[in-house]
């Protein structure tokens, strides 16, 4: 497995629409494993392929706590079928927007259709942290960031800060 460099705001790639995957094969499973390794290294609980520069509709999640056995999940071509009217608020962060957190309101539960790492169609009804994480990562596949769910004033301040930081660091898509 390989740890991939993360794409960081304000990289325009984060706003790109990810393409659906035609088939699930060994190279795709290898990419999923690399994404999990990258997510664990960061450390994070979710990662969309676009965050490592791959505009593909795939994401990985592992909500296991530090003292629990890892429970990696792979979602290929995930699609929200249904969202609850009930809302919940979680403090969200993002590996592509390091060290910034904000409370985001989203549907409390979602029903999601996806392919698993074997290419089998699955459906899951998620609530709590899993629902929030799925929505956050699926947003990435659509070029949407969690800061798009906060006030324009706060969002503009975050974007301005990261644009300034980007001038002071090498490009995020360096090979290495």
Foldseek 3Di string as FASTA:
>chain_A
DAAAFFAAPPPQLLQDAADADPFQDDVNVVLVVNQCVNCVVLPHFKDASSRRPHLAQKMKGWPDDPVDDTDIWIFGPKDWPDFDPAKDWDWDDDSRLPPDTDIAIDGQKTWIWGAGNVRDIDIDIDGDPVRVRVVQRSCSNNSHHRLVRDDPVVSVVSNVVVVVVPVVDDHRNDDD
